[in-house]
Amino acid sequence: MAKVLSINISEIKGVIKTPISEGFFKVEHGLEGDGHAGKWHRQVSLLAKESIDKMIKLGVQDLTPGKFAENITTEGIVLHELPIGTRIIIGETIQEVTQVGKECHNGCAIKNKVGKCIMPTEGIFTRIVKSGVIRPGDKIEIMYQEKEV
């Protein structure tokens, strides 16, 4: 079963995020109080524990949820294989995948601290379609998935 491992927040973009007990995700905004939120296509960032585990196998130490600045750390779902347009139910929210991966900017705090960043290849971004609370342990379900052409 796919589930949420951690909800993570930071006041500014591009820094390591801190786990919180729950988060309110607002339509067309993202996680309230997070520096990454706003009216754009990358409102929420997600990264799978399985991706983090790859970095641990490469010898990177002290990797915990939020170290790659992801808002939601997941388990049991291959996020980077979800096509853009896929809708997923997470906790009380409905989210739509808007981007897979991203380019790390120069001086990326995560890359500088961790040595390498997995977000460019395996992180995904969503926009909030339906508001709600998400907590660690919440189930993740694919509601609608775009068919590949």
C-alpha atoms as a PDB file:
ATOM      1  CA  MET A   1       0.000   0.000   0.000  1.00  0.00           C
ATOM      2  CA  ALA A   2       1.291   3.443  -0.925  1.00  0.00           C
ATOM      3  CA  LYS A   3       1.378   5.873   1.976  1.00  0.00           C
ATOM      4  CA  VAL A   4       2.733   9.144   3.334  1.00  0.00           C
ATOM      5  CA  LEU A   5       5.826   8.798   5.523  1.00  0.00           C
ATOM      6  CA  SER A   6       6.345  12.465   6.332  1.00  0.00           C
ATOM      7  CA  ILE A   7       5.012  15.996   5.750  1.00  0.00           C
ATOM      8  CA  ASN A   8       7.876  18.522   5.575  1.00  0.00           C
ATOM      9  CA  ILE A   9       7.940  22.322   5.625  1.00  0.00           C
ATOM     10  CA  SER A  10      10.322  25.291   5.394  1.00  0.00           C
ATOM     11  CA  GLU A  11       9.633  29.013   5.265  1.00  0.00           C
ATOM     12  CA  ILE A  12      11.891  29.561   2.235  1.00  0.00           C
ATOM     13  CA  LYS A  13      12.574  27.656  -1.006  1.00  0.00           C
ATOM     14  CA  GLY A  14      15.603  25.490  -1.667  1.00  0.00           C
ATOM     15  CA  VAL A  15      16.463  24.527   1.900  1.00  0.00           C
ATOM     16  CA  ILE A  16      16.076  21.340   3.912  1.00  0.00           C
ATOM     17  CA  LYS A  17      12.563  20.997   5.299  1.00  0.00           C
ATOM     18  CA  THR A  18      11.461  19.989   8.802  1.00  0.00           C
ATOM     19  CA  PRO A  19       8.893  17.224   9.416  1.00  0.00           C
ATOM     20  CA  ILE A  20       5.534  18.284  10.923  1.00  0.00           C
ATOM     21  CA  SER A  21       2.666  16.225  12.364  1.00  0.00           C
ATOM     22  CA  GLU A  22       0.185  17.340   9.682  1.00  0.00           C
ATOM     23  CA  GLY A  23      -0.183  19.892   6.930  1.00  0.00           C
ATOM     24  CA  PHE A  24      -3.063  21.759   5.358  1.00  0.00           C
ATOM     25  CA  PHE A  25      -2.799  21.773   1.564  1.00  0.00           C
ATOM     26  CA  LYS A  26      -4.831  24.563  -0.033  1.00  0.00           C
ATOM     27  CA  VAL A  27      -6.293  24.530  -3.575  1.00  0.00           C
ATOM     28  CA  GLU A  28      -4.044  26.273  -6.119  1.00  0.00           C
ATOM     29  CA  HIS A  29      -1.559  27.132  -3.365  1.00  0.00           C
ATOM     30  CA  GLY A  30       0.081  24.092  -1.742  1.00  0.00           C
ATOM     31  CA  LEU A  31       1.197  23.490   1.841  1.00  0.00           C
ATOM     32  CA  GLU A  32       0.182  26.465   3.987  1.00  0.00           C
ATOM     33  CA  GLY A  33       3.233  28.123   5.530  1.00  0.00           C
ATOM     34  CA  ASP A  34       5.705  26.580   3.062  1.00  0.00           C
ATOM     35  CA  GLY A  35       8.031  28.774   1.013  1.00  0.00           C
ATOM     36  CA  HIS A  36       7.470  26.607  -2.072  1.00  0.00           C
ATOM     37  CA  ALA A  37       3.694  27.173  -2.107  1.00  0.00           C
ATOM     38  CA  GLY A  38       1.988  29.671  -4.404  1.00  0.00           C
ATOM     39  CA  LYS A  39      -0.057  30.025  -7.554  1.00  0.00           C
ATOM     40  CA  TRP A  40       2.189  28.083  -9.934  1.00  0.00           C
ATOM     41  CA  HIS A  41       2.597  24.543 -11.252  1.00  0.00           C
ATOM     42  CA  ARG A  42       5.056  23.323  -8.589  1.00  0.00           C
ATOM     43  CA  GLN A  43       2.955  23.869  -5.463  1.00  0.00           C
ATOM     44  CA  VAL A  44       3.933  20.604  -3.756  1.00  0.00           C
ATOM     45  CA  SER A  45       7.060  18.461  -4.092  1.00  0.00           C
ATOM     46  CA  LEU A  46       7.061  14.716  -3.459  1.00  0.00           C
ATOM     47  CA  LEU A  47       9.889  12.225  -3.160  1.00  0.00           C
ATOM     48  CA  ALA A  48       9.729   8.488  -2.461  1.00  0.00           C
ATOM     49  CA  LYS A  49      11.605   6.810   0.393  1.00  0.00           C
ATOM     50  CA  GLU A  50      12.748   4.304  -2.231  1.00  0.00           C
ATOM     51  CA  SER A  51      14.561   7.153  -4.049  1.00  0.00           C
ATOM     52  CA  ILE A  52      16.148   8.321  -0.803  1.00  0.00           C
ATOM     53  CA  ASP A  53      17.265   4.723  -0.153  1.00  0.00           C
ATOM     54  CA  LYS A  54      19.160   4.786  -3.485  1.00  0.00           C
ATOM     55  CA  MET A  55      21.189   7.729  -2.184  1.00  0.00           C
ATOM     56  CA  ILE A  56      21.864   5.913   1.091  1.00  0.00           C
ATOM     57  CA  LYS A  57      23.197   2.925  -0.902  1.00  0.00           C
ATOM     58  CA  LEU A  58      25.573   5.349  -2.651  1.00  0.00           C
ATOM     59  CA  GLY A  59      27.015   6.190   0.747  1.00  0.00           C
ATOM     60  CA  VAL A  60      25.203   9.437   1.549  1.00  0.00           C
ATOM     61  CA  GLN A  61      24.555   9.474   5.291  1.00  0.00           C
ATOM     62  CA  ASP A  62      21.999  11.099   7.596  1.00  0.00           C
ATOM     63  CA  LEU A  63      19.217  11.191   5.016  1.00  0.00           C
ATOM     64  CA  THR A  64      15.872  11.737   6.679  1.00  0.00           C
ATOM     65  CA  PRO A  65      12.541  13.012   5.335  1.00  0.00           C
ATOM     66  CA  GLY A  66      12.779  16.627   4.171  1.00  0.00           C
ATOM     67  CA  LYS A  67      16.520  16.565   3.416  1.00  0.00           C
ATOM     68  CA  PHE A  68      15.774  16.914  -0.317  1.00  0.00           C
ATOM     69  CA  ALA A  69      13.312  19.754   0.408  1.00  0.00           C
ATOM     70  CA  GLU A  70      10.329  17.570  -0.446  1.00  0.00           C
ATOM     71  CA  ASN A  71       6.958  18.471   1.090  1.00  0.00           C
ATOM     72  CA  ILE A  72       5.739  14.883   1.108  1.00  0.00           C
ATOM     73  CA  THR A  73       7.907  11.805   1.592  1.00  0.00           C
ATOM     74  CA  THR A  74       6.106   8.699   0.310  1.00  0.00           C
ATOM     75  CA  GLU A  75       6.531   4.937   0.417  1.00  0.00           C
ATOM     76  CA  GLY A  76       5.209   2.180  -1.839  1.00  0.00           C
ATOM     77  CA  ILE A  77       4.651   4.191  -5.043  1.00  0.00           C
ATOM     78  CA  VAL A  78       7.045   4.898  -7.923  1.00  0.00           C
ATOM     79  CA  LEU A  79       6.356   8.613  -8.200  1.00  0.00           C
ATOM     80  CA  HIS A  80       8.655   9.449 -11.126  1.00  0.00           C
ATOM     81  CA  GLU A  81       6.788   6.991 -13.383  1.00  0.00           C
ATOM     82  CA  LEU A  82       3.460   8.819 -12.952  1.00  0.00           C
ATOM     83  CA  PRO A  83       2.631  10.713 -16.161  1.00  0.00           C
ATOM     84  CA  ILE A  84       1.901  14.436 -16.026  1.00  0.00           C
ATOM     85  CA  GLY A  85      -1.840  14.881 -15.549  1.00  0.00           C
ATOM     86  CA  THR A  86      -2.197  11.915 -13.182  1.00  0.00           C
ATOM     87  CA  ARG A  87      -4.500  12.702 -10.261  1.00  0.00           C
ATOM     88  CA  ILE A  88      -3.743  11.191  -6.883  1.00  0.00           C
ATOM     89  CA  ILE A  89      -5.646  11.180  -3.624  1.00  0.00           C
ATOM     90  CA  ILE A  90      -3.419  11.824  -0.622  1.00  0.00           C
ATOM     91  CA  GLY A  91      -5.160  12.141   2.738  1.00  0.00           C
ATOM     92  CA  GLU A  92      -8.059  14.566   2.239  1.00  0.00           C
ATOM     93  CA  THR A  93      -6.490  16.141  -0.861  1.00  0.00           C
ATOM     94  CA  ILE A  94      -6.601  15.546  -4.588  1.00  0.00           C
ATOM     95  CA  GLN A  95      -3.404  16.488  -6.407  1.00  0.00           C
ATOM     96  CA  GLU A  96      -2.428  16.553 -10.069  1.00  0.00           C
ATOM     97  CA  VAL A  97       1.078  15.716 -11.263  1.00  0.00           C
ATOM     98  CA  THR A  98       2.439  18.766 -13.125  1.00  0.00           C
ATOM     99  CA  GLN A  99       6.153  18.016 -13.478  1.00  0.00           C
ATOM    100  CA  VAL A 100       8.539  15.086 -13.095  1.00  0.00           C
ATOM    101  CA  GLY A 101      12.048  16.047 -12.020  1.00  0.00           C
ATOM    102  CA  LYS A 102      13.645  19.474 -12.054  1.00  0.00           C
ATOM    103  CA  GLU A 103      16.944  21.120 -12.739  1.00  0.00           C
ATOM    104  CA  CYS A 104      18.980  21.916  -9.629  1.00  0.00           C
ATOM    105  CA  HIS A 105      19.964  25.580  -9.531  1.00  0.00           C
ATOM    106  CA  ASN A 106      23.525  26.759  -8.848  1.00  0.00           C
ATOM    107  CA  GLY A 107      24.226  26.887  -5.138  1.00  0.00           C
ATOM    108  CA  CYS A 108      21.444  24.399  -4.365  1.00  0.00           C
ATOM    109  CA  ALA A 109      21.566  23.989  -0.565  1.00  0.00           C
ATOM    110  CA  ILE A 110      20.540  20.347  -0.799  1.00  0.00           C
ATOM    111  CA  LYS A 111      23.171  19.434  -3.387  1.00  0.00           C
ATOM    112  CA  ASN A 112      25.827  21.340  -1.413  1.00  0.00           C
ATOM    113  CA  LYS A 113      24.936  19.664   1.875  1.00  0.00           C
ATOM    114  CA  VAL A 114      24.091  16.158   0.621  1.00  0.00           C
ATOM    115  CA  GLY A 115      26.548  15.984  -2.316  1.00  0.00           C
ATOM    116  CA  LYS A 116      24.036  14.923  -4.932  1.00  0.00           C
ATOM    117  CA  CYS A 117      20.347  15.564  -5.391  1.00  0.00           C
ATOM    118  CA  ILE A 118      17.844  12.909  -6.472  1.00  0.00           C
ATOM    119  CA  MET A 119      15.034  15.445  -7.045  1.00  0.00           C
ATOM    120  CA  PRO A 120      16.123  16.220 -10.644  1.00  0.00           C
ATOM    121  CA  THR A 121      15.329  12.668 -11.741  1.00  0.00           C
ATOM    122  CA  GLU A 122      12.914  11.145  -9.246  1.00  0.00           C
ATOM    123  CA  GLY A 123      11.090  13.956  -7.480  1.00  0.00           C
ATOM    124  CA  ILE A 124       7.684  15.069  -8.734  1.00  0.00           C
ATOM    125  CA  PHE A 125       5.588  18.190  -8.404  1.00  0.00           C
ATOM    126  CA  THR A 126       1.846  18.579  -8.061  1.00  0.00           C
ATOM    127  CA  ARG A 127      -0.807  21.223  -7.814  1.00  0.00           C
ATOM    128  CA  ILE A 128      -3.635  20.995  -5.303  1.00  0.00           C
ATOM    129  CA  VAL A 129      -7.034  20.330  -6.915  1.00  0.00           C
ATOM    130  CA  LYS A 130      -8.931  19.704  -3.647  1.00  0.00           C
ATOM    131  CA  SER A 131      -7.857  21.149  -0.276  1.00  0.00           C
ATOM    132  CA  GLY A 132      -7.373  19.115   2.849  1.00  0.00           C
ATOM    133  CA  VAL A 133      -5.168  17.839   5.636  1.00  0.00           C
ATOM    134  CA  ILE A 134      -2.435  15.240   5.101  1.00  0.00           C
ATOM    135  CA  ARG A 135      -0.789  13.311   7.921  1.00  0.00           C
ATOM    136  CA  PRO A 136       1.962  10.697   8.043  1.00  0.00           C
ATOM    137  CA  GLY A 137       0.398   7.264   7.492  1.00  0.00           C
ATOM    138  CA  ASP A 138      -2.285   8.550   5.098  1.00  0.00           C
ATOM    139  CA  LYS A 139      -2.974   6.325   2.105  1.00  0.00           C
ATOM    140  CA  ILE A 140      -2.032   7.385  -1.446  1.00  0.00           C
ATOM    141  CA  GLU A 141      -4.296   6.286  -4.308  1.00  0.00           C
ATOM    142  CA  ILE A 142      -4.117   6.897  -8.038  1.00  0.00           C
ATOM    143  CA  MET A 143      -7.479   8.406  -8.971  1.00  0.00           C
ATOM    144  CA  TYR A 144      -6.876   9.096 -12.648  1.00  0.00           C
ATOM    145  CA  GLN A 145      -3.889   8.436 -14.847  1.00  0.00           C
ATOM    146  CA  GLU A 146      -3.147   9.839 -18.271  1.00  0.00           C
ATOM    147  CA  LYS A 147      -2.668   7.153 -20.905  1.00  0.00           C
ATOM    148  CA  GLU A 148       0.694   7.282 -22.656  1.00  0.00           C
ATOM    149  CA  VAL A 149       0.392   7.945 -26.380  1.00  0.00           C
END
